[in-house]
Amino acid sequence: MHRISKFIYHNLLGWKATGFKNFDSVKKAVLIAAPHTSWHDFYIGVLLRSALKLEAHFVGKEALFNPLTAWFFRALGGAPVRRNANEKQVDAIARLFEDREVFRMLLAPEGTRKKVESWRTGFYFIAKTANVPVVMLSFDFENKENKFSEPFYPTDDMEADFKFMRAFFEGVKGKVPEFS
């Protein structure tokens, strides 16, 4: 599957992956992919993951992982979030990092495919709570490039951290440029 994905990603679609790729040195991280403007991001991401042999995950509510669909979501890298009544969502997800040897959670900081003025903050607090780095990943459709940042550990200055992270995506155009 790796060779087929690599051929489609590079040769047929003309995409390239640049930047940080030493994921053997980063077994746990929060990967944020932006801009997320279209459903096309999904298959580009799946091809990228397979082409790089990158083990990456996503989280979903436990109800998605029912006996009929659990196999499918797990095959795609899904992990169910089990939350008890007294536990916050951030804590429940951060616990997934403790329970696994390799866990790289991928999500879109915008939380939607539409244009947003500010990102959601959950990924940031998950990274801080789990004490794992954030790796930024661009979906640049104009240049057909997925660029990875170096791992970045959030500090205690959220405003400066968000400014730094958003700067990584400056000028990147998603599939739907007006949503970028």
C-alpha atoms as a PDB file:
ATOM      1  CA  MET A   1       0.000   0.000   0.000  1.00  0.00           C
ATOM      2  CA  HIS A   2       2.914   2.331   0.790  1.00  0.00           C
ATOM      3  CA  ARG A   3       4.308   2.181  -2.764  1.00  0.00           C
ATOM      4  CA  ILE A   4       0.914   2.708  -4.360  1.00  0.00           C
ATOM      5  CA  SER A   5       0.184   5.675  -2.076  1.00  0.00           C
ATOM      6  CA  LYS A   6       3.607   7.148  -2.753  1.00  0.00           C
ATOM      7  CA  PHE A   7       3.123   6.806  -6.523  1.00  0.00           C
ATOM      8  CA  ILE A   8      -0.330   8.426  -6.426  1.00  0.00           C
ATOM      9  CA  TYR A   9       0.748  11.205  -4.030  1.00  0.00           C
ATOM     10  CA  HIS A  10       3.975  12.138  -5.848  1.00  0.00           C
ATOM     11  CA  ASN A  11       3.590  11.033  -9.449  1.00  0.00           C
ATOM     12  CA  LEU A  12      -0.118  11.194 -10.249  1.00  0.00           C
ATOM     13  CA  LEU A  13      -1.145  14.120  -8.034  1.00  0.00           C
ATOM     14  CA  GLY A  14       2.226  15.922  -8.055  1.00  0.00           C
ATOM     15  CA  TRP A  15       2.429  16.586  -4.294  1.00  0.00           C
ATOM     16  CA  LYS A  16       5.567  16.763  -2.182  1.00  0.00           C
ATOM     17  CA  ALA A  17       6.258  16.529   1.536  1.00  0.00           C
ATOM     18  CA  THR A  18       8.863  18.881   2.986  1.00  0.00           C
ATOM     19  CA  GLY A  19      10.233  19.928   6.346  1.00  0.00           C
ATOM     20  CA  PHE A  20      10.557  17.760   9.438  1.00  0.00           C
ATOM     21  CA  LYS A  21      10.124  14.047   8.767  1.00  0.00           C
ATOM     22  CA  ASN A  22      12.096  12.318  11.526  1.00  0.00           C
ATOM     23  CA  PHE A  23       9.000  10.938  13.217  1.00  0.00           C
ATOM     24  CA  ASP A  24      10.967   8.024  14.669  1.00  0.00           C
ATOM     25  CA  SER A  25      12.289  10.613  17.136  1.00  0.00           C
ATOM     26  CA  VAL A  26       8.788  11.903  17.980  1.00  0.00           C
ATOM     27  CA  LYS A  27       6.566   9.018  19.008  1.00  0.00           C
ATOM     28  CA  LYS A  28       3.944  11.254  20.611  1.00  0.00           C
ATOM     29  CA  ALA A  29       2.720  14.596  19.302  1.00  0.00           C
ATOM     30  CA  VAL A  30      -0.275  16.680  18.410  1.00  0.00           C
ATOM     31  CA  LEU A  31      -0.194  17.323  14.663  1.00  0.00           C
ATOM     32  CA  ILE A  32      -2.224  20.301  13.522  1.00  0.00           C
ATOM     33  CA  ALA A  33      -3.094  20.452   9.833  1.00  0.00           C
ATOM     34  CA  ALA A  34      -4.175  23.730   8.247  1.00  0.00           C
ATOM     35  CA  PRO A  35      -5.730  25.269   6.400  1.00  0.00           C
ATOM     36  CA  HIS A  36      -8.573  22.781   6.433  1.00  0.00           C
ATOM     37  CA  THR A  37     -10.854  24.040   3.655  1.00  0.00           C
ATOM     38  CA  SER A  38     -12.176  20.978   1.821  1.00  0.00           C
ATOM     39  CA  TRP A  39     -12.926  17.279   1.969  1.00  0.00           C
ATOM     40  CA  HIS A  40      -9.937  16.873  -0.396  1.00  0.00           C
ATOM     41  CA  ASP A  41      -7.693  17.353   2.650  1.00  0.00           C
ATOM     42  CA  PHE A  42      -8.773  13.908   3.849  1.00  0.00           C
ATOM     43  CA  TYR A  43      -7.486  11.824   0.950  1.00  0.00           C
ATOM     44  CA  ILE A  44      -4.350  13.946   0.558  1.00  0.00           C
ATOM     45  CA  GLY A  45      -3.677  13.338   4.260  1.00  0.00           C
ATOM     46  CA  VAL A  46      -4.316   9.591   3.986  1.00  0.00           C
ATOM     47  CA  LEU A  47      -1.992   9.340   0.970  1.00  0.00           C
ATOM     48  CA  LEU A  48       0.662  11.428   2.743  1.00  0.00           C
ATOM     49  CA  ARG A  49       0.465   9.291   5.862  1.00  0.00           C
ATOM     50  CA  SER A  50       0.855   6.099   3.844  1.00  0.00           C
ATOM     51  CA  ALA A  51       3.578   7.496   1.540  1.00  0.00           C
ATOM     52  CA  LEU A  52       5.674   8.500   4.577  1.00  0.00           C
ATOM     53  CA  LYS A  53       4.764   5.410   6.601  1.00  0.00           C
ATOM     54  CA  LEU A  54       3.647   7.828   9.297  1.00  0.00           C
ATOM     55  CA  GLU A  55       1.588   6.353  12.086  1.00  0.00           C
ATOM     56  CA  ALA A  56      -0.958   9.058  12.865  1.00  0.00           C
ATOM     57  CA  HIS A  57      -4.257   8.976  14.718  1.00  0.00           C
ATOM     58  CA  PHE A  58      -7.468  10.849  15.294  1.00  0.00           C
ATOM     59  CA  VAL A  59      -9.945  10.735  18.134  1.00  0.00           C
ATOM     60  CA  GLY A  60     -13.668  10.186  18.042  1.00  0.00           C
ATOM     61  CA  LYS A  61     -16.427   9.736  20.546  1.00  0.00           C
ATOM     62  CA  GLU A  62     -16.760   6.201  21.813  1.00  0.00           C
ATOM     63  CA  ALA A  63     -20.179   5.799  20.122  1.00  0.00           C
ATOM     64  CA  LEU A  64     -18.490   5.868  16.692  1.00  0.00           C
ATOM     65  CA  PHE A  65     -16.565   2.734  17.621  1.00  0.00           C
ATOM     66  CA  ASN A  66     -19.560   0.415  17.739  1.00  0.00           C
ATOM     67  CA  PRO A  67     -19.319  -3.274  16.737  1.00  0.00           C
ATOM     68  CA  LEU A  68     -20.157  -2.493  13.093  1.00  0.00           C
ATOM     69  CA  THR A  69     -17.784   0.423  12.492  1.00  0.00           C
ATOM     70  CA  ALA A  70     -14.967   0.066  15.036  1.00  0.00           C
ATOM     71  CA  TRP A  71     -12.753  -1.964  12.674  1.00  0.00           C
ATOM     72  CA  PHE A  72     -12.992   0.746  10.004  1.00  0.00           C
ATOM     73  CA  PHE A  73     -12.215   3.683  12.283  1.00  0.00           C
ATOM     74  CA  ARG A  74      -9.359   1.830  13.987  1.00  0.00           C
ATOM     75  CA  ALA A  75      -7.878   0.897  10.580  1.00  0.00           C
ATOM     76  CA  LEU A  76      -7.800   4.608   9.731  1.00  0.00           C
ATOM     77  CA  GLY A  77      -5.975   5.358  12.993  1.00  0.00           C
ATOM     78  CA  GLY A  78      -8.968   6.224  15.120  1.00  0.00           C
ATOM     79  CA  ALA A  79      -8.974   6.036  18.893  1.00  0.00           C
ATOM     80  CA  PRO A  80     -12.163   6.187  20.933  1.00  0.00           C
ATOM     81  CA  VAL A  81     -12.368   8.748  23.716  1.00  0.00           C
ATOM     82  CA  ARG A  82     -13.905   7.332  26.867  1.00  0.00           C
ATOM     83  CA  ARG A  83     -14.894  10.127  29.166  1.00  0.00           C
ATOM     84  CA  ASN A  84     -16.297   9.677  32.611  1.00  0.00           C
ATOM     85  CA  ALA A  85     -18.725  12.199  34.064  1.00  0.00           C
ATOM     86  CA  ASN A  86     -16.062  14.030  36.108  1.00  0.00           C
ATOM     87  CA  GLU A  87     -13.421  14.176  33.367  1.00  0.00           C
ATOM     88  CA  LYS A  88     -12.814  17.016  30.930  1.00  0.00           C
ATOM     89  CA  GLN A  89     -12.390  16.241  27.220  1.00  0.00           C
ATOM     90  CA  VAL A  90      -8.791  17.520  27.244  1.00  0.00           C
ATOM     91  CA  ASP A  91      -7.893  15.188  30.118  1.00  0.00           C
ATOM     92  CA  ALA A  92      -9.570  12.208  28.435  1.00  0.00           C
ATOM     93  CA  ILE A  93      -7.621  12.763  25.232  1.00  0.00           C
ATOM     94  CA  ALA A  94      -4.351  13.473  27.070  1.00  0.00           C
ATOM     95  CA  ARG A  95      -4.783  10.104  28.785  1.00  0.00           C
ATOM     96  CA  LEU A  96      -4.611   8.419  25.348  1.00  0.00           C
ATOM     97  CA  PHE A  97      -0.998   9.598  25.091  1.00  0.00           C
ATOM     98  CA  GLU A  98      -0.175   7.877  28.386  1.00  0.00           C
ATOM     99  CA  ASP A  99      -1.807   4.618  27.313  1.00  0.00           C
ATOM    100  CA  ARG A 100       0.085   4.208  24.030  1.00  0.00           C
ATOM    101  CA  GLU A 101       3.715   3.883  23.035  1.00  0.00           C
ATOM    102  CA  VAL A 102       3.101   5.745  19.756  1.00  0.00           C
ATOM    103  CA  PHE A 103       0.319   8.296  19.492  1.00  0.00           C
ATOM    104  CA  ARG A 104       0.373  11.177  17.047  1.00  0.00           C
ATOM    105  CA  MET A 105      -3.008  12.855  17.065  1.00  0.00           C
ATOM    106  CA  LEU A 106      -3.889  14.762  13.907  1.00  0.00           C
ATOM    107  CA  LEU A 107      -6.554  17.457  13.840  1.00  0.00           C
ATOM    108  CA  ALA A 108      -7.526  20.742  12.244  1.00  0.00           C
ATOM    109  CA  PRO A 109      -7.133  23.683  14.640  1.00  0.00           C
ATOM    110  CA  GLU A 110      -9.911  25.583  12.851  1.00  0.00           C
ATOM    111  CA  GLY A 111     -12.458  22.937  13.853  1.00  0.00           C
ATOM    112  CA  THR A 112     -14.287  23.440  10.539  1.00  0.00           C
ATOM    113  CA  ARG A 113     -13.620  23.729   6.818  1.00  0.00           C
ATOM    114  CA  LYS A 114     -14.928  27.294   6.722  1.00  0.00           C
ATOM    115  CA  LYS A 115     -12.946  30.505   7.242  1.00  0.00           C
ATOM    116  CA  VAL A 116     -12.356  31.246  10.922  1.00  0.00           C
ATOM    117  CA  GLU A 117     -10.810  34.217  12.664  1.00  0.00           C
ATOM    118  CA  SER A 118      -9.397  32.215  15.562  1.00  0.00           C
ATOM    119  CA  TRP A 119      -8.422  28.625  16.158  1.00  0.00           C
ATOM    120  CA  ARG A 120      -9.902  26.360  18.765  1.00  0.00           C
ATOM    121  CA  THR A 121      -7.622  25.897  21.743  1.00  0.00           C
ATOM    122  CA  GLY A 122      -8.221  22.253  22.661  1.00  0.00           C
ATOM    123  CA  PHE A 123      -5.204  20.914  20.759  1.00  0.00           C
ATOM    124  CA  TYR A 124      -2.966  23.344  22.638  1.00  0.00           C
ATOM    125  CA  PHE A 125      -4.199  22.265  26.059  1.00  0.00           C
ATOM    126  CA  ILE A 126      -4.015  18.595  25.061  1.00  0.00           C
ATOM    127  CA  ALA A 127      -0.349  19.040  24.094  1.00  0.00           C
ATOM    128  CA  LYS A 128       0.398  20.879  27.346  1.00  0.00           C
ATOM    129  CA  THR A 129      -1.487  18.359  29.513  1.00  0.00           C
ATOM    130  CA  ALA A 130       0.116  15.359  27.783  1.00  0.00           C
ATOM    131  CA  ASN A 131       3.512  17.115  27.689  1.00  0.00           C
ATOM    132  CA  VAL A 132       3.940  16.412  23.982  1.00  0.00           C
ATOM    133  CA  PRO A 133       5.035  18.707  21.150  1.00  0.00           C
ATOM    134  CA  VAL A 134       2.873  20.244  18.460  1.00  0.00           C
ATOM    135  CA  VAL A 135       3.931  19.578  14.875  1.00  0.00           C
ATOM    136  CA  MET A 136       2.362  21.859  12.289  1.00  0.00           C
ATOM    137  CA  LEU A 137       1.427  20.480   8.869  1.00  0.00           C
ATOM    138  CA  SER A 138       0.395  22.693   5.959  1.00  0.00           C
ATOM    139  CA  PHE A 139      -2.044  21.699   3.243  1.00  0.00           C
ATOM    140  CA  ASP A 140      -0.801  24.028   0.504  1.00  0.00           C
ATOM    141  CA  PHE A 141      -2.869  23.288  -2.584  1.00  0.00           C
ATOM    142  CA  GLU A 142      -1.380  26.194  -4.559  1.00  0.00           C
ATOM    143  CA  ASN A 143       2.102  24.628  -4.414  1.00  0.00           C
ATOM    144  CA  LYS A 144       0.948  21.013  -3.888  1.00  0.00           C
ATOM    145  CA  GLU A 145       3.040  20.803  -0.751  1.00  0.00           C
ATOM    146  CA  ASN A 146       2.603  19.355   2.708  1.00  0.00           C
ATOM    147  CA  LYS A 147       5.185  20.990   4.955  1.00  0.00           C
ATOM    148  CA  PHE A 148       5.923  19.749   8.481  1.00  0.00           C
ATOM    149  CA  SER A 149       7.338  22.038  11.172  1.00  0.00           C
ATOM    150  CA  GLU A 150       9.912  21.035  13.713  1.00  0.00           C
ATOM    151  CA  PRO A 151       8.294  19.795  16.951  1.00  0.00           C
ATOM    152  CA  PHE A 152       7.276  22.720  19.145  1.00  0.00           C
ATOM    153  CA  TYR A 153       6.565  22.449  22.863  1.00  0.00           C
ATOM    154  CA  PRO A 154       3.930  24.949  24.016  1.00  0.00           C
ATOM    155  CA  THR A 155       5.154  27.430  26.621  1.00  0.00           C
ATOM    156  CA  ASP A 156       3.189  29.249  29.292  1.00  0.00           C
ATOM    157  CA  ASP A 157       2.569  32.140  26.880  1.00  0.00           C
ATOM    158  CA  MET A 158      -0.441  31.000  24.871  1.00  0.00           C
ATOM    159  CA  GLU A 159      -0.741  34.265  22.935  1.00  0.00           C
ATOM    160  CA  ALA A 160       2.891  34.113  21.744  1.00  0.00           C
ATOM    161  CA  ASP A 161       2.594  30.394  20.979  1.00  0.00           C
ATOM    162  CA  PHE A 162      -0.489  30.909  18.804  1.00  0.00           C
ATOM    163  CA  LYS A 163       1.201  33.796  17.014  1.00  0.00           C
ATOM    164  CA  PHE A 164       4.216  31.536  16.334  1.00  0.00           C
ATOM    165  CA  MET A 165       2.069  28.627  15.119  1.00  0.00           C
ATOM    166  CA  ARG A 166      -0.169  30.762  12.899  1.00  0.00           C
ATOM    167  CA  ALA A 167       2.941  32.317  11.303  1.00  0.00           C
ATOM    168  CA  PHE A 168       3.936  28.851  10.040  1.00  0.00           C
ATOM    169  CA  PHE A 169       0.777  28.796   7.901  1.00  0.00           C
ATOM    170  CA  GLU A 170       1.070  32.397   6.660  1.00  0.00           C
ATOM    171  CA  GLY A 171       0.441  32.567   2.906  1.00  0.00           C
ATOM    172  CA  VAL A 172      -0.605  28.905   2.610  1.00  0.00           C
ATOM    173  CA  LYS A 173      -3.667  28.461   0.416  1.00  0.00           C
ATOM    174  CA  GLY A 174      -6.007  25.548   0.942  1.00  0.00           C
ATOM    175  CA  LYS A 175      -8.140  23.881  -1.715  1.00  0.00           C
ATOM    176  CA  VAL A 176     -10.731  26.640  -1.227  1.00  0.00           C
ATOM    177  CA  PRO A 177      -8.440  29.716  -0.994  1.00  0.00           C
ATOM    178  CA  GLU A 178     -11.106  32.068   0.378  1.00  0.00           C
ATOM    179  CA  PHE A 179     -11.413  29.801   3.456  1.00  0.00           C
ATOM    180  CA  SER A 180      -7.635  29.844   4.076  1.00  0.00           C
END
